[in-house]
Amino acid sequence: MSKKYFIITAVIIIVLLLVVVFIPFKQNPSSTSRVVVDHFNHKYAFPSCYDYEKASNYIDEVTYKDAQDLKYPPMNTCTEEKAKPQYKSLLKRLLESTEI
């Protein structure tokens, strides 16, 4: 009996490890991410994608959800890419969150 339980436990652990390492899960951008909103041009951008040379003086910093509620389009392709959902395995998410 104990050999049977050992094999079942080992198979379950192996399957869980494979899920954690290889299967990607959908990860949407956080609704609380900060974005820059240009109210004059009616566009938004993530701070790392914001083009300050083309900026107006009527800008604001809001959450990503607030920018979506305003129904402003993304300012550039960089922002479009960051706004798309990403597919990452649980292990990759863990490594990125711990900055290893």
Protein backbone atom coordinates (compact mmCIF):
# COMPACT_ATOMS: atom_id res chain seq x y z
CA MET A 1 0.00 0.00 0.00
CA SER A 2 2.71 2.50 0.87
CA LYS A 3 4.41 2.05 -2.52
CA LYS A 4 1.10 2.83 -4.25
CA TYR A 5 0.65 6.04 -2.22
CA PHE A 6 4.24 7.04 -2.93
CA ILE A 7 3.73 6.64 -6.69
CA ILE A 8 0.44 8.59 -6.64
CA THR A 9 2.04 11.38 -4.59
CA ALA A 10 5.07 11.51 -6.90
CA VAL A 11 2.86 11.73 -10.01
CA ILE A 12 0.79 14.53 -8.47
CA ILE A 13 3.92 16.48 -7.53
CA ILE A 14 5.39 16.04 -11.02
CA VAL A 15 2.17 17.23 -12.66
CA LEU A 16 2.02 20.28 -10.38
CA LEU A 17 5.65 21.12 -11.16
CA LEU A 18 4.98 20.87 -14.89
CA VAL A 19 1.98 23.20 -14.53
CA VAL A 20 4.01 25.75 -12.56
CA VAL A 21 6.96 25.69 -14.95
CA PHE A 22 5.47 25.33 -18.42
CA ILE A 23 1.79 26.30 -18.68
CA PRO A 24 1.32 30.02 -19.35
CA PHE A 25 -1.53 31.90 -17.72
CA LYS A 26 -3.10 35.15 -18.90
CA GLN A 27 -1.91 38.22 -17.01
CA ASN A 28 -3.72 41.50 -17.67
CA PRO A 29 -2.17 44.82 -16.73
CA SER A 30 -3.15 45.89 -13.24
CA SER A 31 -6.07 48.30 -13.08
CA THR A 32 -4.09 50.30 -10.52
CA SER A 33 -1.08 50.82 -12.80
CA ARG A 34 -0.23 54.47 -13.22
CA VAL A 35 -0.59 56.05 -16.67
CA VAL A 36 -0.12 59.54 -18.03
CA VAL A 37 -3.25 61.04 -19.57
CA ASP A 38 -3.00 63.87 -22.09
CA HIS A 39 -6.38 65.59 -21.90
CA PHE A 40 -5.59 67.95 -24.79
CA ASN A 41 -4.82 65.14 -27.27
CA HIS A 42 -7.25 62.70 -25.56
CA LYS A 43 -4.68 59.89 -25.27
CA TYR A 44 -2.95 57.93 -22.53
CA ALA A 45 0.46 56.29 -22.18
CA PHE A 46 2.39 54.32 -19.62
CA PRO A 47 5.15 56.49 -18.09
CA SER A 48 7.94 54.50 -19.75
CA CYS A 49 6.22 54.96 -23.14
CA TYR A 50 5.22 58.61 -22.80
CA ASP A 51 6.69 60.92 -25.45
CA TYR A 52 7.39 64.15 -23.58
CA GLU A 53 8.39 65.96 -26.78
CA LYS A 54 4.86 65.65 -28.17
CA ALA A 55 3.17 66.43 -24.87
CA SER A 56 0.73 69.20 -24.17
CA ASN A 57 0.55 71.06 -20.87
CA TYR A 58 -2.77 69.45 -20.01
CA ILE A 59 -1.55 66.11 -18.62
CA ASP A 60 -2.52 64.14 -15.56
CA GLU A 61 -1.46 60.93 -13.84
CA VAL A 62 -4.29 58.46 -13.22
CA THR A 63 -4.79 54.72 -12.88
CA TYR A 64 -5.08 52.49 -15.93
CA LYS A 65 -8.74 51.85 -15.09
CA ASP A 66 -9.48 55.59 -14.99
CA ALA A 67 -7.82 56.04 -18.38
CA GLN A 68 -9.99 53.25 -19.80
CA ASP A 69 -13.09 54.86 -18.28
CA LEU A 70 -12.22 58.08 -20.15
CA LYS A 71 -12.18 55.96 -23.36
CA TYR A 72 -8.93 57.57 -24.50
CA PRO A 73 -6.92 55.57 -27.07
CA PRO A 74 -3.29 54.61 -26.42
CA MET A 75 -0.73 57.24 -27.40
CA ASN A 76 1.70 54.91 -29.22
CA THR A 77 2.53 51.29 -30.02
CA CYS A 78 4.62 50.93 -26.87
CA THR A 79 1.53 51.64 -24.79
CA GLU A 80 -0.56 49.27 -26.91
CA GLU A 81 1.95 46.48 -26.26
CA LYS A 82 2.02 47.12 -22.50
CA ALA A 83 -1.80 47.19 -22.38
CA LYS A 84 -2.12 43.76 -24.03
CA PRO A 85 -2.47 40.74 -21.76
CA GLN A 86 0.72 38.75 -21.36
CA TYR A 87 0.96 34.99 -21.02
CA LYS A 88 3.47 33.86 -18.39
CA SER A 89 4.01 30.71 -16.38
CA LEU A 90 3.63 30.87 -12.62
CA LEU A 91 7.37 30.34 -12.19
CA LYS A 92 8.18 33.27 -14.48
CA ARG A 93 5.73 35.51 -12.59
CA LEU A 94 7.33 34.51 -9.31
CA LEU A 95 10.84 35.22 -10.58
CA GLU A 96 9.79 38.61 -11.97
CA SER A 97 8.01 39.62 -8.78
CA THR A 98 11.06 38.76 -6.66
CA GLU A 99 13.38 40.39 -9.23
CA ILE A 100 15.72 37.40 -9.36
